[in-house]
Amino acid sequence: MYLEVTLTSGQNYSIPIEEGHSVQEELELFLGREGRYGAEWVPLQKAGRELFVRYEQIVLVSPKTD
């Protein structure tokens, strides 16, 4: 389970769901900029690589359960 985000560049990245959270809970934290999303930088992952982007670079976020 993860959140998939699409950046203004068109690239897709994922945010793994924290243990003990449902996809809906994680999405609510993300949209409310609470918990680990409280900073102006969002942690993303792709192919084992971690990076951080600003909220302004994100154009779409989708919950994924596969």
C-alpha atoms as a PDB file:
ATOM      1  CA  MET A   1       0.000   0.000   0.000  1.00  0.00           C
ATOM      2  CA  TYR A   2       1.256   3.417  -0.885  1.00  0.00           C
ATOM      3  CA  LEU A   3       0.338   6.853  -2.129  1.00  0.00           C
ATOM      4  CA  GLU A   4       1.313   7.548  -5.712  1.00  0.00           C
ATOM      5  CA  VAL A   5       2.166  11.140  -6.557  1.00  0.00           C
ATOM      6  CA  THR A   6       2.633  12.749  -9.952  1.00  0.00           C
ATOM      7  CA  LEU A   7       4.956  15.731 -10.192  1.00  0.00           C
ATOM      8  CA  THR A   8       4.709  18.739 -12.498  1.00  0.00           C
ATOM      9  CA  SER A   9       7.421  17.047 -14.585  1.00  0.00           C
ATOM     10  CA  GLY A  10       5.028  14.126 -15.213  1.00  0.00           C
ATOM     11  CA  GLN A  11       7.122  11.662 -13.199  1.00  0.00           C
ATOM     12  CA  ASN A  12       5.391   9.312 -10.757  1.00  0.00           C
ATOM     13  CA  TYR A  13       6.749   8.492  -7.309  1.00  0.00           C
ATOM     14  CA  SER A  14       5.416   6.638  -4.293  1.00  0.00           C
ATOM     15  CA  ILE A  15       5.063   7.285  -0.590  1.00  0.00           C
ATOM     16  CA  PRO A  16       4.971   4.063   1.452  1.00  0.00           C
ATOM     17  CA  ILE A  17       2.196   3.872   4.039  1.00  0.00           C
ATOM     18  CA  GLU A  18       3.518   4.011   7.598  1.00  0.00           C
ATOM     19  CA  GLU A  19       3.003   0.820   9.575  1.00  0.00           C
ATOM     20  CA  GLY A  20      -0.302   0.856  11.426  1.00  0.00           C
ATOM     21  CA  HIS A  21      -1.906   3.408   9.081  1.00  0.00           C
ATOM     22  CA  SER A  22      -4.579   2.711   6.508  1.00  0.00           C
ATOM     23  CA  VAL A  23      -4.317   4.229   3.031  1.00  0.00           C
ATOM     24  CA  GLN A  24      -7.102   6.643   3.968  1.00  0.00           C
ATOM     25  CA  GLU A  25      -5.330   7.726   7.185  1.00  0.00           C
ATOM     26  CA  GLU A  26      -2.087   8.330   5.300  1.00  0.00           C
ATOM     27  CA  LEU A  27      -3.909  10.316   2.610  1.00  0.00           C
ATOM     28  CA  GLU A  28      -5.584  12.470   5.270  1.00  0.00           C
ATOM     29  CA  LEU A  29      -2.207  13.155   6.920  1.00  0.00           C
ATOM     30  CA  PHE A  30      -0.712  14.063   3.547  1.00  0.00           C
ATOM     31  CA  LEU A  31      -3.551  16.384   2.541  1.00  0.00           C
ATOM     32  CA  GLY A  32      -3.624  17.990   6.007  1.00  0.00           C
ATOM     33  CA  ARG A  33       0.187  18.322   6.042  1.00  0.00           C
ATOM     34  CA  GLU A  34       0.331  16.604   9.415  1.00  0.00           C
ATOM     35  CA  GLY A  35       2.834  14.226  10.998  1.00  0.00           C
ATOM     36  CA  ARG A  36       5.757  13.460   8.700  1.00  0.00           C
ATOM     37  CA  TYR A  37       4.142  15.714   6.078  1.00  0.00           C
ATOM     38  CA  GLY A  38       4.286  18.796   8.319  1.00  0.00           C
ATOM     39  CA  ALA A  39       7.414  20.198   6.688  1.00  0.00           C
ATOM     40  CA  GLU A  40       7.461  21.987   3.341  1.00  0.00           C
ATOM     41  CA  TRP A  41       9.316  19.014   1.786  1.00  0.00           C
ATOM     42  CA  VAL A  42       7.574  15.702   1.007  1.00  0.00           C
ATOM     43  CA  PRO A  43       9.562  12.415   1.178  1.00  0.00           C
ATOM     44  CA  LEU A  44       9.146  10.302  -1.983  1.00  0.00           C
ATOM     45  CA  GLN A  45      10.576   6.997  -3.207  1.00  0.00           C
ATOM     46  CA  LYS A  46      11.240   5.434  -6.575  1.00  0.00           C
ATOM     47  CA  ALA A  47      13.330   2.353  -7.379  1.00  0.00           C
ATOM     48  CA  GLY A  48      14.838   2.295  -3.888  1.00  0.00           C
ATOM     49  CA  ARG A  49      15.874   5.940  -4.111  1.00  0.00           C
ATOM     50  CA  GLU A  50      14.545   8.538  -1.677  1.00  0.00           C
ATOM     51  CA  LEU A  51      14.102  12.169  -2.562  1.00  0.00           C
ATOM     52  CA  PHE A  52      12.263  15.188  -1.251  1.00  0.00           C
ATOM     53  CA  VAL A  53      10.084  17.613  -3.222  1.00  0.00           C
ATOM     54  CA  ARG A  54       8.056  20.661  -2.330  1.00  0.00           C
ATOM     55  CA  TYR A  55       4.262  20.398  -2.216  1.00  0.00           C
ATOM     56  CA  GLU A  56       4.063  22.843  -5.120  1.00  0.00           C
ATOM     57  CA  GLN A  57       5.711  20.235  -7.379  1.00  0.00           C
ATOM     58  CA  ILE A  58       2.917  17.693  -6.781  1.00  0.00           C
ATOM     59  CA  VAL A  59      -0.066  17.843  -9.139  1.00  0.00           C
ATOM     60  CA  LEU A  60      -1.825  14.558  -8.302  1.00  0.00           C
ATOM     61  CA  VAL A  61      -1.922  12.121  -5.396  1.00  0.00           C
ATOM     62  CA  SER A  62      -3.676   8.730  -5.591  1.00  0.00           C
ATOM     63  CA  PRO A  63      -4.068   6.010  -2.948  1.00  0.00           C
ATOM     64  CA  LYS A  64      -2.848   2.610  -4.211  1.00  0.00           C
ATOM     65  CA  THR A  65      -3.519  -0.740  -2.535  1.00  0.00           C
ATOM     66  CA  ASP A  66      -1.750  -3.087  -4.976  1.00  0.00           C
END
